[in-house]
Every structure is written in structure tokens, then in C-alpha cells.
Protein backbone atom coordinates (compact mmCIF):
# COMPACT_ATOMS: atom_id res chain seq x y z
CA MET A 1 -8.14 13.30 34.23
CA LYS A 2 -9.26 10.04 36.26
CA THR A 3 -12.92 8.89 36.12
CA PRO A 4 -13.92 10.01 39.42
CA GLY A 5 -12.47 13.51 38.70
CA ARG A 6 -14.10 13.76 35.17
CA VAL A 7 -17.49 12.92 36.95
CA ALA A 8 -17.19 15.35 39.76
CA VAL A 9 -16.22 18.25 37.10
CA HIS A 10 -19.40 17.19 34.79
CA ALA A 11 -21.60 17.23 37.98
CA GLY A 12 -20.18 20.72 38.89
CA ILE A 13 -20.86 22.04 35.32
CA ILE A 14 -24.63 20.78 35.47
CA VAL A 15 -25.09 22.08 39.08
CA LEU A 16 -23.76 25.52 37.87
CA LEU A 17 -25.76 25.59 34.56
CA LEU A 18 -28.98 24.52 36.44
CA GLY A 19 -28.39 26.83 39.55
CA SER A 20 -27.97 29.73 37.17
CA TRP A 21 -31.05 28.76 35.29
CA GLU A 22 -33.06 28.56 38.56
CA PHE A 23 -31.62 31.91 39.88
CA ALA A 24 -32.09 33.76 36.52
CA THR A 25 -35.85 32.88 36.56
CA ALA A 26 -36.61 33.21 40.30
CA HIS A 27 -35.26 36.91 40.20
CA GLY A 28 -37.29 37.67 36.92
CA TRP A 29 -33.93 37.98 34.81
CA ALA A 30 -35.74 35.22 32.38
CA ASP A 31 -39.16 34.67 31.82
CA PRO A 32 -40.24 31.17 32.97
CA PHE A 33 -42.95 31.36 30.35
CA TYR A 34 -40.60 30.90 27.57
CA LEU A 35 -37.63 29.01 29.65
CA SER A 36 -39.56 27.19 32.40
CA ARG A 37 -37.34 26.44 35.47
CA PRO A 38 -35.15 23.51 36.74
CA SER A 39 -37.44 22.91 39.76
CA ALA A 40 -40.55 23.05 37.49
CA VAL A 41 -38.99 20.53 35.11
CA ALA A 42 -37.83 18.20 37.83
CA GLU A 43 -41.23 18.35 39.40
CA ARG A 44 -42.67 17.19 35.87
CA LEU A 45 -40.34 14.49 35.53
CA THR A 46 -41.26 13.30 39.09
CA ASP A 47 -44.92 13.38 38.22
CA TRP A 48 -44.17 11.32 34.95
CA PHE A 49 -42.05 8.78 36.62
CA GLY A 50 -43.99 8.72 39.56
CA SER A 51 -47.34 8.12 37.88
CA GLY A 52 -45.80 5.57 35.23
CA THR A 53 -46.79 8.00 32.44
CA ILE A 54 -43.79 8.17 30.82
CA TRP A 55 -42.93 4.22 30.60
CA PRO A 56 -45.01 3.45 27.30
CA HIS A 57 -43.88 6.66 25.45
CA LEU A 58 -40.36 5.96 26.55
CA GLY A 59 -40.53 2.42 25.57
CA THR A 60 -42.00 3.12 22.09
CA THR A 61 -39.20 5.76 21.44
CA ALA A 62 -36.51 3.50 22.63
CA LEU A 63 -37.79 0.47 20.49
CA GLU A 64 -38.08 2.80 17.32
CA ALA A 65 -34.58 4.18 17.81
CA LEU A 66 -32.86 0.83 18.60
CA LEU A 67 -34.42 -0.67 15.21
CA ALA A 68 -33.21 2.45 13.45
CA LEU A 69 -29.92 2.09 14.83
CA VAL A 70 -29.64 -1.63 14.22
CA ALA A 71 -30.93 -1.46 10.71
CA GLY A 72 -29.03 1.55 9.71
CA THR A 73 -25.69 0.18 11.26
CA LEU A 74 -25.85 -3.17 9.41
CA LEU A 75 -26.89 -1.47 6.13
CA GLY A 76 -24.14 1.19 6.41
CA LEU A 77 -21.41 -1.30 7.23
CA ALA A 78 -22.50 -3.59 4.46
CA ALA A 79 -22.59 -0.91 1.88
CA GLY A 80 -19.52 0.66 3.11
CA LEU A 81 -17.37 -2.44 2.89
CA ALA A 82 -18.75 -3.29 -0.79
CA PHE A 83 -18.01 0.09 -2.09
CA ALA A 84 -14.62 0.13 -0.33
CA ARG A 85 -13.80 -3.00 -1.73
CA SER A 86 -15.08 -2.67 -5.10
CA PRO A 87 -13.77 0.38 -7.01
CA LEU A 88 -16.16 -0.21 -9.78
CA LEU A 89 -19.33 -0.13 -7.64
CA SER A 90 -17.75 3.01 -5.89
CA THR A 91 -17.61 4.50 -9.08
CA LEU A 92 -20.96 3.61 -10.59
CA LEU A 93 -23.04 4.24 -7.47
CA GLY A 94 -20.98 6.61 -5.47
CA PRO A 95 -22.28 9.60 -6.66
CA TYR A 96 -25.93 8.62 -6.16
CA VAL A 97 -25.36 7.80 -2.75
CA THR A 98 -23.78 11.40 -2.30
CA MET A 99 -27.00 12.59 -3.93
CA LEU A 100 -29.29 10.81 -1.68
CA ASN A 101 -27.17 12.09 1.35
CA SER A 102 -27.65 15.56 0.29
CA LEU A 103 -31.81 15.58 0.38
CA PRO A 104 -32.96 17.09 3.51
CA ARG A 105 -34.19 14.37 5.93
CA VAL A 106 -37.11 16.41 7.11
CA VAL A 107 -38.62 16.08 3.31
CA LEU A 108 -38.76 12.35 3.73
CA ALA A 109 -40.48 12.09 6.96
CA PRO A 110 -44.10 13.01 5.41
CA LEU A 111 -43.27 10.25 2.68
CA PHE A 112 -42.53 7.67 5.10
CA LEU A 113 -45.96 8.65 7.15
CA ILE A 114 -47.82 7.95 3.95
CA TRP A 115 -45.90 4.81 3.01
CA PHE A 116 -45.56 3.03 6.33
CA GLY A 117 -48.72 4.89 8.30
CA LEU A 118 -48.47 6.48 11.79
CA GLY A 119 -47.04 3.30 13.55
CA ILE A 120 -43.50 2.53 14.50
CA TRP A 121 -42.15 1.74 11.10
CA SER A 122 -42.47 5.11 9.51
CA LYS A 123 -40.13 6.25 12.49
CA VAL A 124 -37.64 3.63 12.10
CA ALA A 125 -37.55 4.25 8.27
CA PHE A 126 -36.69 7.82 9.00
CA GLY A 127 -33.94 7.00 11.70
CA VAL A 128 -32.46 4.52 9.15
CA THR A 129 -32.14 7.31 6.53
CA LEU A 130 -30.12 9.26 9.49
CA VAL A 131 -27.90 6.60 10.74
CA PHE A 132 -27.21 4.65 7.53
CA PHE A 133 -24.94 7.63 5.75
CA VAL A 134 -23.01 8.29 9.01
CA VAL A 135 -22.12 4.44 9.29
CA PHE A 136 -21.51 4.18 5.45
CA PHE A 137 -19.17 7.05 4.96
CA ASN A 138 -17.19 6.01 8.14
CA VAL A 139 -16.97 2.57 7.15
CA TYR A 140 -15.92 3.26 3.70
CA GLN A 141 -13.26 5.73 4.83
CA GLY A 142 -12.13 3.25 7.44
CA VAL A 143 -11.41 0.60 4.91
CA ARG A 144 -10.00 2.62 2.16
CA ASP A 145 -7.33 4.06 4.89
CA VAL A 146 -5.85 0.46 5.17
CA ASP A 147 -2.27 0.58 4.08
CA PRO A 148 -2.10 -0.82 0.68
CA VAL A 149 1.53 -2.49 1.54
CA LEU A 150 -0.37 -4.44 4.26
CA VAL A 151 -3.10 -5.80 1.79
CA ARG A 152 -0.26 -6.87 -0.78
CA HIS A 153 1.62 -8.57 1.97
CA VAL A 154 -1.35 -10.62 3.16
CA ARG A 155 -2.28 -11.40 -0.49
CA MET A 156 1.38 -12.72 -0.72
CA LEU A 157 0.76 -15.07 2.23
CA GLY A 158 -2.05 -16.58 0.34
CA ALA A 159 -4.83 -14.84 2.10
CA SER A 160 -8.41 -15.53 0.27
CA ASP A 161 -10.71 -12.61 -0.18
CA ALA A 162 -12.88 -13.73 2.86
CA GLN A 163 -9.68 -14.08 4.92
CA LEU A 164 -8.62 -10.53 4.05
CA LEU A 165 -12.11 -9.16 4.86
CA ARG A 166 -12.16 -10.92 8.17
CA GLN A 167 -8.50 -10.08 9.19
CA VAL A 168 -7.80 -6.77 7.60
CA HIS A 169 -10.83 -4.88 6.41
CA LEU A 170 -13.12 -5.57 9.32
CA PRO A 171 -10.77 -4.88 12.27
CA ALA A 172 -10.04 -1.33 10.29
CA ALA A 173 -13.68 -0.61 9.69
CA MET A 174 -14.62 -1.57 13.31
CA THR A 175 -12.69 1.23 14.50
CA TRP A 176 -14.50 4.03 12.41
CA LEU A 177 -17.87 1.89 12.79
CA PHE A 178 -17.78 2.58 16.70
CA SER A 179 -16.59 6.25 15.96
CA SER A 180 -19.85 6.93 14.02
CA LEU A 181 -22.08 4.87 16.46
CA HIS A 182 -21.54 7.64 19.00
CA THR A 183 -23.24 9.95 16.44
CA GLY A 184 -25.82 7.44 15.06
CA VAL A 185 -27.29 6.87 18.60
CA GLY A 186 -28.25 10.71 18.50
CA PHE A 187 -29.41 10.33 14.97
CA ALA A 188 -31.36 7.15 15.55
CA LEU A 189 -33.16 8.89 18.51
CA VAL A 190 -33.64 12.29 16.52
CA GLY A 191 -35.47 10.07 13.89
CA ALA A 192 -37.81 8.52 16.18
CA VAL A 193 -38.73 11.91 17.75
CA VAL A 194 -38.96 13.67 14.92
CA GLY A 195 -41.22 11.35 13.08
CA GLU A 196 -43.47 11.05 16.49
CA TYR A 197 -43.39 14.99 16.47
CA LEU A 198 -44.96 14.91 12.64
CA GLY A 199 -47.50 12.25 13.42
CA ALA A 200 -47.94 9.60 16.22
CA SER A 201 -50.22 8.59 19.25
CA GLN A 202 -47.43 7.77 21.53
CA GLY A 203 -43.91 8.39 22.25
CA VAL A 204 -41.60 11.05 23.96
CA GLY A 205 -41.81 13.23 20.58
CA TYR A 206 -45.45 12.94 20.88
CA LEU A 207 -45.34 14.06 24.43
CA ILE A 208 -43.15 16.93 23.38
CA SER A 209 -45.47 17.70 20.38
CA GLN A 210 -48.40 18.02 22.96
CA ALA A 211 -46.73 20.19 25.42
CA ASP A 212 -45.62 22.41 22.54
CA GLY A 213 -49.25 22.53 21.31
CA VAL A 214 -50.35 24.23 24.41
CA LEU A 215 -47.21 26.33 24.99
CA ASP A 216 -46.30 24.04 27.95
CA THR A 217 -42.50 24.75 28.08
CA THR A 218 -42.11 22.76 31.23
CA GLY A 219 -43.26 19.82 29.45
CA VAL A 220 -40.92 20.40 26.27
CA PHE A 221 -37.75 20.79 28.63
CA ALA A 222 -38.90 17.57 30.54
CA GLY A 223 -39.00 15.62 27.31
CA MET A 224 -35.72 16.94 26.21
CA ALA A 225 -34.16 15.71 29.53
CA VAL A 226 -35.36 12.30 29.10
CA LEU A 227 -33.95 12.17 25.72
CA ALA A 228 -30.76 13.55 26.94
CA ALA A 229 -30.62 11.04 29.78
CA VAL A 230 -31.38 8.13 27.14
CA VAL A 231 -28.81 9.26 24.80
CA LEU A 232 -25.97 9.39 27.52
CA ALA A 233 -27.03 5.59 28.59
CA VAL A 234 -26.93 4.45 25.32
CA ASP A 235 -23.68 5.85 24.50
CA ALA A 236 -22.23 4.56 27.70
CA CYS A 237 -23.13 1.18 26.50
CA VAL A 238 -21.59 1.53 23.11
CA GLN A 239 -18.41 2.52 24.95
CA ARG A 240 -18.39 -0.50 26.84
CA VAL A 241 -18.78 -2.76 23.78
CA GLU A 242 -16.14 -0.91 22.04
CA ARG A 243 -13.70 -1.24 24.63
CA ARG A 244 -14.43 -4.82 24.77
CA LEU A 245 -14.27 -5.47 21.05
CA LEU A 246 -11.35 -3.27 20.48
CA ARG A 247 -9.13 -4.55 23.17
CA TRP A 248 -6.25 -4.99 20.70
CA LYS A 249 -6.35 -1.17 19.85
CA PRO A 250 -3.66 0.83 21.96
């Protein structure tokens, strides 16, 4: 399906869902106290953006998510390449990485608040723990999936370790890396919002927490709508970068 057609289908689905939601709450089929209504959410968003209330909170959350995404991606890429290229390192430390990945992230959030305080760094650290493992396992698998025959042929042609990394392993890892980034973007934002929800004085997660505390479902849904729009915008940017860097891929 061509791009205009996809956009039309997506827009139609959204209109159908929001229209059904509005219709159900307007006719008493659903309680607005629990589900709010799209018109009320739109009014709240208009107020937030019109008055400028949302911008400091959105800027804080976006900064935290961006730092977590960049740091988690770089660490995951470096660790994934190192583990995939060194069987000894993978054998010795692989079980510990798997063990750390199995830890519930929510348990770590209070620790990060104690260690790094209520500022942005506790949210960044929490987001890094979510992004790192997604990138690490994808890069690790991508490098391990390189055809051994190709590696041997490149070696026979006299390629050094640096050339093998640059010409073979990195291109293989990049495909899997961008695949993981589509998930990592959401995880970075989740890390920032959950950290703000647990303890912060600013951010979209803080706004949602404040609305939740006074049973303001409209504020909760409005915050969720802002986060969804941010994820879609960032994911679109990732797709553009992916198409540019992976032009060689059919």
C-alpha cells in the first residue's frame, strides 16, 4: 500500500476509535469518570499547549529520554560487538548479563532515586537499563549471524580486525541496531516517565502522577496522548535515518 493510502487508513482507524469512544461516553454506555472523553482530552491538550504549561514538562521528559536512548544505545552497541567478537568474554560474562536482564526494572527505580536524587539523572539511569539490553541482544545476534564463510574469505584477503569490524560486523550490526531502536525509543520514554511518576517535580510523568492523584482521568489521558505523539515523531526520525544509512540494504 502506498504512503497516502496508509495515512488515510490510519487516520480512518483513529477517527473510528475516537468517535466510538465519544459516542459511548455521550450516551452513557461508558462512564466518563473512568474513561474521560476525547472532546475533554482535546480541550485539556488545547489548554496545555495554548497556555504553554506543557512545554517545560515535555522538554524535561524529552531530554531524559534522549539521554537514556543515546547512552543505552552506545553502551549496548559496544557491549554487543565485544561479546559477539569474543567467545571467551561471552562465555564468562554472558550469564551475568542474562541475570541482570531478568531483574524487574521497577525495583531499580527507587535505588536510582536514592543514588542520583530527584533530578534528571535518576530517570536517565533508569531509561538506560531498559534500552541497553534491547540494543545489546539485537547487536549481539546480528554479529553472530554473519556468515562464517564470509568472515573467512575476508580474512583470507588480508583484512585486519579493524577492517573486519568496519566492513563486515558493523554493517551486520546496524540492521539489527535500528530494529532495536524502534523498541528502544519507547523504552527510553517509559524509563523517563516511570522515574518521574515515582519522584520528580517536572515532566510529563509528573503531570500524569498529579492528575492520577486527584482522580483526573482527563489529565491522565492527555498526558498519554502527548507521550504517544512524541514516540511517533521520534520513531519517524529513526526511520528516516535508517533509510539513509542502510541504503545498501535491498
